[in-house]
Protein backbone atom coordinates (compact mmCIF):
# COMPACT_ATOMS: atom_id res chain seq x y z
CA MET A 1 0.18 -0.07 -0.17
CA ALA A 2 1.62 3.43 -0.62
CA ASN A 3 2.10 5.84 1.38
CA THR A 4 -0.53 8.29 1.71
CA ASN A 5 1.21 11.11 4.46
CA PHE A 6 2.73 13.10 2.01
CA ALA A 7 2.53 17.15 0.70
CA PRO A 8 1.20 16.93 -2.64
CA THR A 9 3.59 17.83 -5.52
CA ILE A 10 3.16 20.39 -8.05
CA ALA A 11 4.11 19.56 -11.26
CA PRO A 12 5.81 22.65 -13.62
CA ALA A 13 3.52 24.45 -15.52
CA ILE A 14 2.62 23.01 -19.45
CA SER A 15 3.11 25.27 -22.17
CA THR A 16 3.65 25.66 -25.60
CA PRO A 17 6.21 27.92 -26.85
CA LEU A 18 6.94 29.18 -29.46
CA GLN A 19 9.86 27.57 -31.08
CA THR A 20 12.88 30.53 -31.67
CA PRO A 21 16.47 29.99 -30.59
CA SER A 22 15.96 31.22 -26.87
CA SER A 23 12.78 29.73 -26.48
CA GLU A 24 14.02 26.16 -28.03
CA SER A 25 16.49 26.47 -24.52
CA ALA A 26 13.84 27.42 -22.52
CA PHE A 27 11.49 25.21 -23.22
CA GLU A 28 14.30 22.17 -23.33
CA THR A 29 15.28 23.28 -19.78
CA GLN A 30 11.46 22.65 -18.56
CA LEU A 31 11.34 19.75 -20.55
CA GLN A 32 14.28 18.20 -18.29
CA ALA A 33 13.04 19.74 -15.33
CA ALA A 34 9.94 17.93 -15.67
CA LEU A 35 11.51 14.31 -16.22
CA GLU A 36 13.82 14.58 -13.36
CA HIS A 37 11.00 15.41 -11.25
CA ALA A 38 9.26 12.69 -12.43
CA ARG A 39 12.30 10.26 -11.55
CA ARG A 40 12.60 11.61 -8.47
CA LEU A 41 9.00 10.92 -7.45
CA THR A 42 9.04 7.39 -8.64
CA GLU A 43 11.94 6.90 -6.18
CA MET A 44 10.38 8.32 -3.64
CA TYR A 45 6.63 6.79 -4.03
CA GLY A 46 7.33 3.88 -6.58
CA PRO A 47 5.62 3.82 -9.81
CA GLU A 48 2.34 3.47 -9.01
CA GLY A 49 1.86 6.80 -7.01
CA ILE A 50 -0.87 9.20 -8.71
CA GLU A 51 1.91 11.89 -7.85
CA VAL A 52 4.09 10.05 -10.61
CA ALA A 53 1.55 9.42 -13.03
CA LEU A 54 0.68 13.19 -12.96
CA ALA A 55 4.28 14.16 -13.17
CA TRP A 56 5.21 11.22 -16.22
CA GLU A 57 1.89 12.54 -17.94
CA THR A 58 3.68 15.97 -18.04
CA VAL A 59 6.77 14.56 -19.47
CA GLU A 60 4.47 13.12 -22.62
CA GLU A 61 2.95 15.82 -23.41
CA LEU A 62 5.85 18.27 -23.35
CA GLN A 63 7.68 15.77 -25.53
CA THR A 64 4.18 15.46 -27.06
CA ALA A 65 4.26 19.24 -27.56
CA LYS A 66 8.28 19.72 -28.76
CA ALA A 67 8.05 17.51 -31.25
CA GLY A 68 4.72 18.62 -33.03
CA HIS A 69 6.72 21.70 -32.84
CA GLN A 70 9.81 20.42 -34.94
CA LYS A 71 9.46 20.17 -38.99
CA VAL A 72 9.38 17.30 -40.77
CA ASN A 73 10.18 16.81 -44.62
CA PRO A 74 7.39 15.21 -45.51
CA THR A 75 9.73 12.61 -48.40
CA ILE A 76 12.27 11.93 -45.13
CA ALA A 77 9.33 11.01 -43.20
CA PHE A 78 7.69 8.49 -46.17
CA VAL A 79 11.23 6.84 -47.12
CA ARG A 80 12.00 6.33 -43.43
CA TYR A 81 8.12 4.86 -42.75
CA CYS A 82 9.06 2.31 -45.46
CA ALA A 83 12.44 1.33 -44.00
CA GLU A 84 10.67 0.71 -40.78
CA ASN A 85 8.03 -0.61 -42.25
CA PRO A 86 8.82 -3.14 -45.17
CA GLY A 87 5.32 -5.21 -45.24
CA ALA A 88 2.74 -2.01 -45.51
CA SER A 89 1.11 -1.37 -49.14
CA GLU A 90 2.38 1.64 -48.76
CA THR A 91 5.83 0.76 -49.63
CA ARG A 92 4.84 -1.68 -52.69
CA VAL A 93 6.63 -1.09 -56.41
CA TYR A 94 4.85 -2.10 -59.10
CA ASP A 95 6.18 -2.81 -62.45
CA VAL A 96 4.03 -0.99 -65.15
């Protein structure tokens, strides 16, 4: 049973910054802080605590926000998809 005698923790605020050079480093710092926070809570309370789950959810949301702001070349993304999924119907080549 989890220890219920603990102070509530506050996860770092989640924001979706505009990706400028200075805000990228601030965003990366925020992501690293959230990751460290989640790791420490996991060490303190184990992997099943509510606070731990919320902290890791914050990390996931920050990583998703970071991934959403990165520019992706569609051609490179498709080539990577084809390499990772050789059996997919999109990767078939037909002789004409």
